């Protein structure tokens, strides 16, 4: 069992010395070691790592970038479902969002709930500390990860990618924020 108290959240900077990390997907391993700092320097994405202070290794990481949820005339039913939750005078052809570019959990920490804790952290971060308008969280989920996102209340944005290697999924932050406002703990901290 992962001791969440041993995890420290850190922003990857140009000077960050990356500790060992390994998950089952080589693409995700390679992004962290080969691309995360380049995406930062090009202002394309920021990457955060959870360092296990006791084991001196990276337990998980995620990258965030800005995105938008846009109207697709070929999937009007889904767009209508999204718009139902937005007041008529605020409806647009696109809405601001943040995209989870990458999310990976190390093999030593898999199936321990850390991925869900990261999603909860991102949800709280954007629902409570939003510095620019952001209504949705989006992700191009690998087909083998869609069940994980569905368990965390993400929905499919389209049916057009049903048989693709990735599926565009989204999470509506507004109902989450409304629920959080009814709770006293609304800060974006890593849950214990």
N, C-alpha and C. Protein backbone atom coordinates (compact mmCIF):
# COMPACT_ATOMS: atom_id res chain seq x y z
N UNK A 1 0.84 -1.19 0.00
CA UNK A 1 0.00 0.00 0.00
C UNK A 1 0.88 1.25 0.00
N UNK A 2 0.55 2.19 -0.85
CA UNK A 2 1.30 3.43 -0.95
C UNK A 2 1.01 4.30 0.26
N UNK A 3 2.06 4.80 0.88
CA UNK A 3 1.90 5.75 1.97
C UNK A 3 1.85 7.15 1.34
N UNK A 4 0.64 7.72 1.23
CA UNK A 4 0.46 9.01 0.58
C UNK A 4 1.24 10.12 1.28
N UNK A 5 1.54 9.94 2.57
CA UNK A 5 2.31 10.95 3.30
C UNK A 5 3.76 11.03 2.81
N UNK A 6 4.23 9.99 2.13
CA UNK A 6 5.59 9.99 1.60
C UNK A 6 5.69 10.64 0.23
N UNK A 7 4.54 11.03 -0.35
CA UNK A 7 4.54 11.59 -1.69
C UNK A 7 4.63 13.11 -1.64
N UNK A 8 5.49 13.64 -2.49
CA UNK A 8 5.64 15.09 -2.60
C UNK A 8 5.37 15.49 -4.04
N UNK A 9 4.48 16.46 -4.22
CA UNK A 9 4.15 16.98 -5.54
C UNK A 9 5.20 18.01 -5.95
N UNK A 10 5.74 17.86 -7.14
CA UNK A 10 6.75 18.79 -7.64
C UNK A 10 6.47 19.14 -9.10
N UNK A 11 6.66 20.40 -9.45
CA UNK A 11 6.59 20.84 -10.83
C UNK A 11 7.92 20.51 -11.51
N UNK A 12 7.86 19.91 -12.68
CA UNK A 12 9.08 19.64 -13.44
C UNK A 12 9.54 20.95 -14.07
N UNK A 13 10.77 21.34 -13.78
CA UNK A 13 11.38 22.52 -14.37
C UNK A 13 12.59 22.09 -15.19
N UNK A 14 13.21 23.04 -15.85
CA UNK A 14 14.40 22.73 -16.65
C UNK A 14 15.51 22.15 -15.77
N UNK A 15 15.53 22.49 -14.48
CA UNK A 15 16.58 22.04 -13.57
C UNK A 15 16.22 20.80 -12.76
N UNK A 16 15.01 20.29 -12.92
CA UNK A 16 14.58 19.15 -12.13
C UNK A 16 15.39 17.91 -12.50
N UNK A 17 15.97 17.30 -11.47
CA UNK A 17 16.65 16.02 -11.67
C UNK A 17 15.59 14.94 -11.53
N UNK A 18 15.33 14.26 -12.64
CA UNK A 18 14.29 13.24 -12.63
C UNK A 18 14.80 11.95 -12.02
N UNK A 19 14.10 11.51 -11.00
CA UNK A 19 14.41 10.25 -10.34
C UNK A 19 13.87 9.11 -11.20
N UNK A 20 14.21 7.86 -10.87
CA UNK A 20 13.72 6.73 -11.66
C UNK A 20 12.19 6.66 -11.69
N UNK A 21 11.66 6.25 -12.85
CA UNK A 21 10.23 6.03 -13.03
C UNK A 21 10.05 4.94 -14.07
N UNK A 22 9.11 4.04 -13.80
CA UNK A 22 8.79 3.02 -14.80
C UNK A 22 7.34 2.59 -14.63
N UNK A 23 6.61 2.65 -15.75
CA UNK A 23 5.25 2.11 -15.80
C UNK A 23 5.21 1.10 -16.94
N UNK A 24 4.08 0.51 -17.18
CA UNK A 24 3.99 -0.55 -18.18
C UNK A 24 3.99 -0.03 -19.62
N UNK A 25 3.84 1.27 -19.82
CA UNK A 25 3.75 1.85 -21.16
C UNK A 25 5.03 2.62 -21.48
N UNK A 26 5.78 2.15 -22.45
CA UNK A 26 7.05 2.79 -22.81
C UNK A 26 6.86 4.22 -23.32
N UNK A 27 5.75 4.48 -24.02
CA UNK A 27 5.48 5.84 -24.50
C UNK A 27 5.39 6.80 -23.32
N UNK A 28 4.72 6.38 -22.25
CA UNK A 28 4.60 7.23 -21.06
C UNK A 28 5.94 7.38 -20.34
N UNK A 29 6.73 6.32 -20.29
CA UNK A 29 8.07 6.40 -19.71
C UNK A 29 8.92 7.39 -20.49
N UNK A 30 8.89 7.26 -21.82
CA UNK A 30 9.72 8.11 -22.67
C UNK A 30 9.31 9.57 -22.62
N UNK A 31 8.00 9.84 -22.50
CA UNK A 31 7.58 11.24 -22.42
C UNK A 31 8.24 11.93 -21.24
N UNK A 32 8.22 11.28 -20.09
CA UNK A 32 8.77 11.91 -18.90
C UNK A 32 10.26 12.19 -19.06
N UNK A 33 11.01 11.23 -19.55
CA UNK A 33 12.46 11.39 -19.64
C UNK A 33 12.90 12.20 -20.85
N UNK A 34 12.16 12.11 -21.96
CA UNK A 34 12.62 12.72 -23.21
C UNK A 34 11.88 13.99 -23.62
N UNK A 35 10.63 14.17 -23.17
CA UNK A 35 9.82 15.25 -23.72
C UNK A 35 9.28 16.27 -22.72
N UNK A 36 9.11 15.90 -21.48
CA UNK A 36 8.43 16.79 -20.52
C UNK A 36 9.10 18.16 -20.42
N UNK A 37 10.41 18.19 -20.33
CA UNK A 37 11.11 19.48 -20.22
C UNK A 37 11.04 20.27 -21.53
N UNK A 38 11.04 19.58 -22.66
CA UNK A 38 10.90 20.27 -23.95
C UNK A 38 9.52 20.91 -24.08
N UNK A 39 8.48 20.19 -23.66
CA UNK A 39 7.13 20.74 -23.70
C UNK A 39 7.04 21.97 -22.80
N UNK A 40 7.72 21.95 -21.66
CA UNK A 40 7.74 23.10 -20.76
C UNK A 40 8.44 24.28 -21.42
N UNK A 41 9.61 24.05 -21.98
CA UNK A 41 10.38 25.16 -22.57
C UNK A 41 9.66 25.77 -23.77
N UNK A 42 8.87 24.98 -24.48
CA UNK A 42 8.09 25.48 -25.61
C UNK A 42 6.72 26.00 -25.19
N UNK A 43 6.45 25.99 -23.88
CA UNK A 43 5.20 26.48 -23.30
C UNK A 43 3.99 25.72 -23.86
N UNK A 44 4.16 24.41 -24.03
CA UNK A 44 3.10 23.56 -24.56
C UNK A 44 2.39 22.76 -23.48
N UNK A 45 3.09 22.43 -22.40
CA UNK A 45 2.50 21.65 -21.30
C UNK A 45 3.40 21.79 -20.08
N UNK A 46 2.80 21.61 -18.93
CA UNK A 46 3.55 21.53 -17.68
C UNK A 46 3.35 20.13 -17.10
N UNK A 47 4.40 19.62 -16.50
CA UNK A 47 4.37 18.27 -15.95
C UNK A 47 4.64 18.33 -14.46
N UNK A 48 3.87 17.56 -13.72
CA UNK A 48 4.02 17.44 -12.28
C UNK A 48 4.38 16.00 -11.96
N UNK A 49 5.24 15.83 -10.98
CA UNK A 49 5.62 14.49 -10.54
C UNK A 49 5.28 14.33 -9.06
N UNK A 50 4.92 13.12 -8.70
CA UNK A 50 4.77 12.75 -7.31
C UNK A 50 5.98 11.90 -6.96
N UNK A 51 6.83 12.44 -6.10
CA UNK A 51 8.05 11.76 -5.70
C UNK A 51 7.80 11.02 -4.40
N UNK A 52 8.16 9.75 -4.38
CA UNK A 52 8.14 8.97 -3.14
C UNK A 52 9.43 9.29 -2.41
N UNK A 53 9.32 10.08 -1.36
CA UNK A 53 10.51 10.54 -0.64
C UNK A 53 11.27 9.39 0.02
N UNK A 54 10.53 8.37 0.43
CA UNK A 54 11.17 7.24 1.10
C UNK A 54 11.95 6.37 0.11
N UNK A 55 11.35 6.06 -1.02
CA UNK A 55 11.99 5.18 -2.01
C UNK A 55 12.86 5.94 -3.00
N UNK A 56 12.80 7.28 -2.96
CA UNK A 56 13.57 8.12 -3.88
C UNK A 56 13.33 7.73 -5.34
N UNK A 57 12.03 7.69 -5.69
CA UNK A 57 11.65 7.43 -7.08
C UNK A 57 10.35 8.16 -7.37
N UNK A 58 10.03 8.31 -8.63
CA UNK A 58 8.80 8.96 -9.03
C UNK A 58 7.68 7.91 -8.99
N UNK A 59 6.64 8.22 -8.25
CA UNK A 59 5.51 7.31 -8.12
C UNK A 59 4.53 7.49 -9.27
N UNK A 60 4.36 8.73 -9.72
CA UNK A 60 3.41 9.03 -10.79
C UNK A 60 3.72 10.41 -11.34
N UNK A 61 3.16 10.69 -12.51
CA UNK A 61 3.27 12.03 -13.06
C UNK A 61 2.05 12.32 -13.93
N UNK A 62 1.84 13.61 -14.18
CA UNK A 62 0.81 14.04 -15.11
C UNK A 62 1.22 15.34 -15.76
N UNK A 63 0.75 15.55 -16.98
CA UNK A 63 1.02 16.78 -17.73
C UNK A 63 -0.30 17.45 -18.05
N UNK A 64 -0.31 18.77 -17.98
CA UNK A 64 -1.51 19.55 -18.26
C UNK A 64 -1.23 20.59 -19.33
N UNK A 65 -2.23 20.85 -20.16
CA UNK A 65 -2.15 21.89 -21.18
C UNK A 65 -3.56 22.41 -21.41
N UNK A 66 -3.65 23.60 -22.00
CA UNK A 66 -4.97 24.17 -22.27
C UNK A 66 -5.57 23.52 -23.50
N UNK A 67 -6.89 23.52 -23.54
CA UNK A 67 -7.62 22.84 -24.60
C UNK A 67 -8.97 23.55 -24.75
N UNK A 68 -9.79 23.06 -25.64
CA UNK A 68 -11.17 23.53 -25.71
C UNK A 68 -12.05 22.35 -26.11
N UNK A 69 -13.28 22.40 -25.64
CA UNK A 69 -14.30 21.46 -26.05
C UNK A 69 -15.09 22.18 -27.12
N UNK A 70 -15.11 21.65 -28.34
CA UNK A 70 -15.71 22.34 -29.47
C UNK A 70 -16.86 21.55 -30.07
N UNK A 71 -17.80 22.29 -30.61
CA UNK A 71 -18.97 21.73 -31.26
C UNK A 71 -18.56 20.88 -32.46
N UNK A 72 -19.14 19.69 -32.55
CA UNK A 72 -18.92 18.80 -33.68
C UNK A 72 -20.29 18.53 -34.32
N UNK A 73 -20.52 19.03 -35.53
CA UNK A 73 -21.85 18.87 -36.15
C UNK A 73 -22.21 17.41 -36.42
N UNK A 74 -21.24 16.51 -36.38
CA UNK A 74 -21.50 15.10 -36.62
C UNK A 74 -21.94 14.36 -35.35
N UNK A 75 -21.86 15.03 -34.21
CA UNK A 75 -22.25 14.41 -32.93
C UNK A 75 -23.13 15.37 -32.14
N UNK A 76 -24.23 15.79 -32.73
CA UNK A 76 -25.11 16.79 -32.11
C UNK A 76 -25.71 16.32 -30.79
N UNK A 77 -25.98 15.03 -30.66
CA UNK A 77 -26.59 14.51 -29.44
C UNK A 77 -25.71 14.73 -28.22
N UNK A 78 -24.43 14.49 -28.37
CA UNK A 78 -23.51 14.68 -27.24
C UNK A 78 -23.37 16.17 -26.94
N UNK A 79 -23.31 17.00 -27.97
CA UNK A 79 -23.20 18.45 -27.75
C UNK A 79 -24.44 18.97 -27.03
N UNK A 80 -25.61 18.47 -27.41
CA UNK A 80 -26.84 18.87 -26.71
C UNK A 80 -26.79 18.46 -25.25
N UNK A 81 -26.25 17.29 -24.95
CA UNK A 81 -26.14 16.84 -23.57
C UNK A 81 -25.21 17.76 -22.77
N UNK A 82 -24.12 18.19 -23.39
CA UNK A 82 -23.20 19.12 -22.72
C UNK A 82 -23.89 20.47 -22.49
N UNK A 83 -24.55 20.98 -23.51
CA UNK A 83 -25.18 22.30 -23.42
C UNK A 83 -26.34 22.34 -22.43
N UNK A 84 -26.97 21.20 -22.17
CA UNK A 84 -28.07 21.16 -21.21
C UNK A 84 -27.66 21.69 -19.84
N UNK A 85 -26.39 21.58 -19.51
CA UNK A 85 -25.90 21.98 -18.19
C UNK A 85 -25.34 23.40 -18.18
N UNK A 86 -25.51 24.12 -19.29
CA UNK A 86 -25.01 25.48 -19.39
C UNK A 86 -26.19 26.41 -19.69
N UNK A 87 -26.26 27.51 -18.94
CA UNK A 87 -27.35 28.46 -19.13
C UNK A 87 -27.41 28.93 -20.58
N UNK A 88 -28.61 29.14 -21.08
CA UNK A 88 -28.81 29.51 -22.49
C UNK A 88 -27.96 30.70 -22.91
N UNK A 89 -27.92 31.75 -22.09
CA UNK A 89 -27.18 32.95 -22.49
C UNK A 89 -25.66 32.77 -22.41
N UNK A 90 -25.18 31.63 -21.93
CA UNK A 90 -23.74 31.36 -21.84
C UNK A 90 -23.29 30.29 -22.84
N UNK A 91 -24.21 29.77 -23.62
CA UNK A 91 -23.87 28.69 -24.56
C UNK A 91 -23.02 29.23 -25.71
N UNK A 92 -22.02 28.45 -26.07
CA UNK A 92 -21.07 28.82 -27.11
C UNK A 92 -20.82 27.63 -28.03
N UNK A 93 -20.02 27.84 -29.05
CA UNK A 93 -19.60 26.76 -29.94
C UNK A 93 -18.37 26.04 -29.40
N UNK A 94 -17.73 26.64 -28.40
CA UNK A 94 -16.61 25.97 -27.73
C UNK A 94 -16.53 26.47 -26.30
N UNK A 95 -15.90 25.64 -25.45
CA UNK A 95 -15.76 25.97 -24.04
C UNK A 95 -14.32 25.71 -23.62
N UNK A 96 -13.80 26.55 -22.72
CA UNK A 96 -12.41 26.36 -22.27
C UNK A 96 -12.26 25.12 -21.41
N UNK A 97 -11.11 24.49 -21.58
CA UNK A 97 -10.84 23.29 -20.80
C UNK A 97 -9.34 23.15 -20.57
N UNK A 98 -9.01 22.22 -19.71
CA UNK A 98 -7.62 21.82 -19.49
C UNK A 98 -7.53 20.36 -19.92
N UNK A 99 -6.46 20.04 -20.61
CA UNK A 99 -6.27 18.66 -21.08
C UNK A 99 -5.21 17.97 -20.25
N UNK A 100 -5.52 16.74 -19.87
CA UNK A 100 -4.51 15.88 -19.27
C UNK A 100 -3.76 15.27 -20.45
N UNK A 101 -2.56 15.78 -20.69
CA UNK A 101 -1.77 15.31 -21.83
C UNK A 101 -1.19 13.93 -21.57
N UNK A 102 -0.75 13.71 -20.36
CA UNK A 102 -0.22 12.40 -19.94
C UNK A 102 -0.57 12.21 -18.47
N UNK A 103 -0.84 10.98 -18.10
CA UNK A 103 -1.00 10.59 -16.70
C UNK A 103 -0.48 9.17 -16.60
N UNK A 104 0.51 8.98 -15.75
CA UNK A 104 1.10 7.65 -15.60
C UNK A 104 1.39 7.36 -14.14
N UNK A 105 1.16 6.12 -13.75
CA UNK A 105 1.46 5.66 -12.40
C UNK A 105 2.50 4.55 -12.51
N UNK A 106 3.55 4.65 -11.70
CA UNK A 106 4.62 3.66 -11.73
C UNK A 106 4.13 2.28 -11.35
N UNK A 107 4.84 1.27 -11.86
CA UNK A 107 4.43 -0.12 -11.61
C UNK A 107 4.33 -0.44 -10.12
N UNK A 108 5.23 0.11 -9.31
CA UNK A 108 5.20 -0.16 -7.87
C UNK A 108 3.97 0.42 -7.18
N UNK A 109 3.25 1.32 -7.86
CA UNK A 109 2.14 2.05 -7.26
C UNK A 109 0.81 1.77 -7.97
N UNK A 110 0.84 0.88 -8.96
CA UNK A 110 -0.35 0.59 -9.77
C UNK A 110 -1.43 -0.08 -8.93
N UNK A 111 -2.66 0.17 -9.30
CA UNK A 111 -3.84 -0.44 -8.67
C UNK A 111 -3.94 -0.13 -7.18
N UNK A 112 -3.43 1.04 -6.79
CA UNK A 112 -3.46 1.45 -5.39
C UNK A 112 -4.27 2.72 -5.19
N UNK A 113 -4.96 3.18 -6.25
CA UNK A 113 -5.79 4.37 -6.14
C UNK A 113 -5.07 5.68 -6.40
N UNK A 114 -3.78 5.63 -6.71
CA UNK A 114 -3.03 6.87 -6.91
C UNK A 114 -3.52 7.63 -8.14
N UNK A 115 -3.85 6.94 -9.21
CA UNK A 115 -4.36 7.61 -10.41
C UNK A 115 -5.65 8.37 -10.12
N UNK A 116 -6.55 7.77 -9.38
CA UNK A 116 -7.80 8.44 -9.01
C UNK A 116 -7.54 9.63 -8.10
N UNK A 117 -6.58 9.50 -7.20
CA UNK A 117 -6.23 10.64 -6.33
C UNK A 117 -5.68 11.80 -7.16
N UNK A 118 -4.91 11.48 -8.20
CA UNK A 118 -4.39 12.54 -9.07
C UNK A 118 -5.53 13.23 -9.80
N UNK A 119 -6.48 12.46 -10.33
CA UNK A 119 -7.63 13.08 -10.99
C UNK A 119 -8.42 13.96 -10.03
N UNK A 120 -8.62 13.50 -8.80
CA UNK A 120 -9.32 14.31 -7.80
C UNK A 120 -8.55 15.60 -7.52
N UNK A 121 -7.23 15.50 -7.46
CA UNK A 121 -6.40 16.69 -7.25
C UNK A 121 -6.59 17.69 -8.39
N UNK A 122 -6.55 17.21 -9.63
CA UNK A 122 -6.71 18.09 -10.79
C UNK A 122 -8.11 18.72 -10.78
N UNK A 123 -9.11 17.94 -10.47
CA UNK A 123 -10.48 18.46 -10.40
C UNK A 123 -10.57 19.58 -9.37
N UNK A 124 -10.05 19.33 -8.18
CA UNK A 124 -10.10 20.37 -7.12
C UNK A 124 -9.27 21.58 -7.50
N UNK A 125 -8.12 21.35 -8.10
CA UNK A 125 -7.25 22.45 -8.51
C UNK A 125 -7.99 23.40 -9.45
N UNK A 126 -8.63 22.86 -10.46
CA UNK A 126 -9.30 23.71 -11.45
C UNK A 126 -10.67 24.18 -11.01
N UNK A 127 -11.28 23.51 -10.08
CA UNK A 127 -12.58 23.96 -9.56
C UNK A 127 -12.42 25.05 -8.52
N UNK A 128 -11.27 25.11 -7.84
CA UNK A 128 -11.11 26.06 -6.74
C UNK A 128 -10.03 27.11 -6.97
N UNK A 129 -9.01 26.81 -7.75
CA UNK A 129 -7.88 27.74 -7.94
C UNK A 129 -7.72 28.14 -9.40
N UNK A 130 -8.82 28.21 -10.09
CA UNK A 130 -8.81 28.48 -11.52
C UNK A 130 -8.35 29.91 -11.80
N UNK A 131 -7.26 30.07 -12.55
CA UNK A 131 -6.75 31.40 -12.87
C UNK A 131 -7.27 31.92 -14.20
N UNK A 132 -7.89 31.08 -14.98
CA UNK A 132 -8.54 31.45 -16.23
C UNK A 132 -9.77 30.56 -16.37
N UNK A 133 -10.71 30.98 -17.18
CA UNK A 133 -11.92 30.19 -17.34
C UNK A 133 -11.60 28.76 -17.79
N UNK A 134 -12.20 27.81 -17.13
CA UNK A 134 -11.98 26.40 -17.45
C UNK A 134 -13.21 25.62 -17.00
N UNK A 135 -13.99 25.14 -17.94
CA UNK A 135 -15.23 24.44 -17.61
C UNK A 135 -15.04 22.93 -17.58
N UNK A 136 -14.13 22.41 -18.41
CA UNK A 136 -13.99 20.96 -18.56
C UNK A 136 -12.55 20.51 -18.39
N UNK A 137 -12.39 19.24 -18.04
CA UNK A 137 -11.11 18.55 -18.13
C UNK A 137 -11.28 17.57 -19.28
N UNK A 138 -10.31 17.54 -20.18
CA UNK A 138 -10.37 16.60 -21.30
C UNK A 138 -9.16 15.68 -21.26
N UNK A 139 -9.30 14.56 -21.94
CA UNK A 139 -8.19 13.62 -22.05
C UNK A 139 -8.41 12.78 -23.31
N UNK A 140 -7.34 12.53 -24.03
CA UNK A 140 -7.36 11.54 -25.11
C UNK A 140 -6.91 10.24 -24.47
N UNK A 141 -7.85 9.49 -23.96
CA UNK A 141 -7.53 8.30 -23.17
C UNK A 141 -7.19 7.12 -24.07
N UNK A 142 -6.10 6.44 -23.73
CA UNK A 142 -5.81 5.19 -24.42
C UNK A 142 -7.01 4.27 -24.22
N UNK A 143 -7.29 3.46 -25.25
CA UNK A 143 -8.45 2.57 -25.18
C UNK A 143 -8.43 1.69 -23.93
N UNK A 144 -7.24 1.26 -23.51
CA UNK A 144 -7.16 0.40 -22.32
C UNK A 144 -7.31 1.18 -21.02
N UNK A 145 -7.42 2.51 -21.08
CA UNK A 145 -7.57 3.33 -19.87
C UNK A 145 -8.96 3.95 -19.75
N UNK A 146 -9.83 3.72 -20.73
CA UNK A 146 -11.15 4.37 -20.68
C UNK A 146 -11.97 3.93 -19.47
N UNK A 147 -11.86 2.67 -19.06
CA UNK A 147 -12.60 2.22 -17.87
C UNK A 147 -12.16 2.99 -16.63
N UNK A 148 -10.88 3.25 -16.50
CA UNK A 148 -10.35 4.04 -15.38
C UNK A 148 -11.00 5.43 -15.37
N UNK A 149 -11.03 6.09 -16.51
CA UNK A 149 -11.62 7.43 -16.56
C UNK A 149 -13.13 7.38 -16.33
N UNK A 150 -13.80 6.38 -16.85
CA UNK A 150 -15.24 6.24 -16.61
C UNK A 150 -15.52 6.08 -15.11
N UNK A 151 -14.68 5.31 -14.40
CA UNK A 151 -14.85 5.14 -12.95
C UNK A 151 -14.65 6.46 -12.21
N UNK A 152 -13.95 7.39 -12.85
CA UNK A 152 -13.70 8.71 -12.26
C UNK A 152 -14.61 9.77 -12.86
N UNK A 153 -15.75 9.32 -13.38
CA UNK A 153 -16.84 10.19 -13.86
C UNK A 153 -16.53 10.99 -15.11
N UNK A 154 -15.60 10.54 -15.92
CA UNK A 154 -15.39 11.13 -17.24
C UNK A 154 -16.39 10.47 -18.19
N UNK A 155 -16.75 11.22 -19.23
CA UNK A 155 -17.69 10.70 -20.22
C UNK A 155 -17.04 10.82 -21.60
N UNK A 156 -17.54 10.04 -22.54
CA UNK A 156 -17.04 10.12 -23.91
C UNK A 156 -17.59 11.38 -24.57
N UNK A 157 -16.73 12.05 -25.32
CA UNK A 157 -17.17 13.27 -25.99
C UNK A 157 -17.82 12.96 -27.34
N UNK A 158 -17.44 11.87 -27.93
CA UNK A 158 -17.96 11.52 -29.24
C UNK A 158 -18.06 10.00 -29.38
N UNK A 159 -18.89 9.57 -30.29
CA UNK A 159 -18.95 8.15 -30.62
C UNK A 159 -18.12 7.85 -31.87
N UNK A 160 -17.62 8.90 -32.51
CA UNK A 160 -16.88 8.73 -33.76
C UNK A 160 -15.53 8.05 -33.56
N UNK A 161 -15.01 8.05 -32.33
CA UNK A 161 -13.69 7.45 -32.07
C UNK A 161 -13.78 6.11 -31.33
N UNK A 162 -14.94 5.49 -31.38
CA UNK A 162 -15.19 4.26 -30.62
C UNK A 162 -14.15 3.18 -30.87
N UNK A 163 -13.69 3.05 -32.09
CA UNK A 163 -12.75 1.98 -32.42
C UNK A 163 -11.32 2.48 -32.62
N UNK A 164 -11.04 3.71 -32.20
CA UNK A 164 -9.70 4.28 -32.30
C UNK A 164 -8.82 3.82 -31.14
N UNK A 165 -7.53 4.08 -31.24
CA UNK A 165 -6.61 3.71 -30.15
C UNK A 165 -6.74 4.63 -28.95
N UNK A 166 -7.30 5.83 -29.16
CA UNK A 166 -7.59 6.74 -28.06
C UNK A 166 -9.03 7.23 -28.19
N UNK A 167 -9.61 7.58 -27.04
CA UNK A 167 -10.98 8.12 -27.00
C UNK A 167 -10.95 9.48 -26.32
N UNK A 168 -11.58 10.47 -26.94
CA UNK A 168 -11.69 11.79 -26.34
C UNK A 168 -12.76 11.72 -25.25
N UNK A 169 -12.36 12.09 -24.03
CA UNK A 169 -13.25 12.05 -22.89
C UNK A 169 -13.22 13.40 -22.17
N UNK A 170 -14.25 13.67 -21.38
CA UNK A 170 -14.31 14.95 -20.67
C UNK A 170 -14.95 14.76 -19.30
N UNK A 171 -14.67 15.75 -18.45
CA UNK A 171 -15.27 15.84 -17.12
C UNK A 171 -15.75 17.27 -16.96
N UNK A 172 -17.01 17.46 -16.58
CA UNK A 172 -17.57 18.79 -16.38
C UNK A 172 -17.25 19.26 -14.96
N UNK A 173 -16.49 20.34 -14.87
CA UNK A 173 -16.06 20.84 -13.56
C UNK A 173 -17.15 21.58 -12.79
N UNK A 174 -18.14 22.12 -13.47
CA UNK A 174 -19.14 22.94 -12.78
C UNK A 174 -19.93 22.17 -11.73
N UNK A 175 -20.50 21.00 -12.03
CA UNK A 175 -21.20 20.26 -10.96
C UNK A 175 -20.25 19.86 -9.83
N UNK A 176 -19.01 19.54 -10.18
CA UNK A 176 -18.02 19.20 -9.16
C UNK A 176 -17.75 20.41 -8.26
N UNK A 177 -17.59 21.58 -8.87
CA UNK A 177 -17.35 22.81 -8.09
C UNK A 177 -18.54 23.12 -7.19
N UNK A 178 -19.73 22.99 -7.73
CA UNK A 178 -20.93 23.24 -6.92
C UNK A 178 -20.97 22.33 -5.71
N UNK A 179 -20.62 21.08 -5.90
CA UNK A 179 -20.59 20.12 -4.79
C UNK A 179 -19.49 20.48 -3.79
N UNK A 180 -18.32 20.91 -4.30
CA UNK A 180 -17.21 21.29 -3.43
C UNK A 180 -17.56 22.50 -2.57
N UNK A 181 -18.33 23.43 -3.13
CA UNK A 181 -18.69 24.63 -2.37
C UNK A 181 -19.56 24.29 -1.17
N UNK A 182 -20.20 23.14 -1.21
CA UNK A 182 -21.00 22.71 -0.07
C UNK A 182 -20.15 22.04 1.01
N UNK A 183 -18.90 21.78 0.69
CA UNK A 183 -17.96 21.18 1.65
C UNK A 183 -17.04 22.26 2.19
N UNK A 184 -16.46 22.03 3.32
CA UNK A 184 -15.55 23.01 3.90
C UNK A 184 -14.14 22.91 3.37
N UNK A 185 -13.69 21.73 2.96
CA UNK A 185 -12.33 21.54 2.46
C UNK A 185 -12.34 21.66 0.94
N UNK A 186 -12.00 22.87 0.43
CA UNK A 186 -12.00 23.08 -1.00
C UNK A 186 -10.62 23.40 -1.55
N UNK A 187 -9.58 23.22 -0.76
CA UNK A 187 -8.25 23.51 -1.26
C UNK A 187 -7.74 22.35 -2.10
N UNK A 188 -6.88 22.67 -3.03
CA UNK A 188 -6.33 21.65 -3.94
C UNK A 188 -5.08 21.03 -3.33
N UNK A 189 -5.28 20.15 -2.38
CA UNK A 189 -4.17 19.44 -1.76
C UNK A 189 -4.32 17.96 -2.04
N UNK A 190 -3.24 17.25 -1.97
CA UNK A 190 -3.27 15.81 -2.20
C UNK A 190 -4.01 15.15 -1.06
N UNK A 191 -5.10 14.41 -1.36
CA UNK A 191 -5.83 13.74 -0.28
C UNK A 191 -5.00 12.67 0.40
N UNK A 192 -5.28 12.46 1.65
CA UNK A 192 -4.56 11.43 2.42
C UNK A 192 -5.26 10.11 2.30
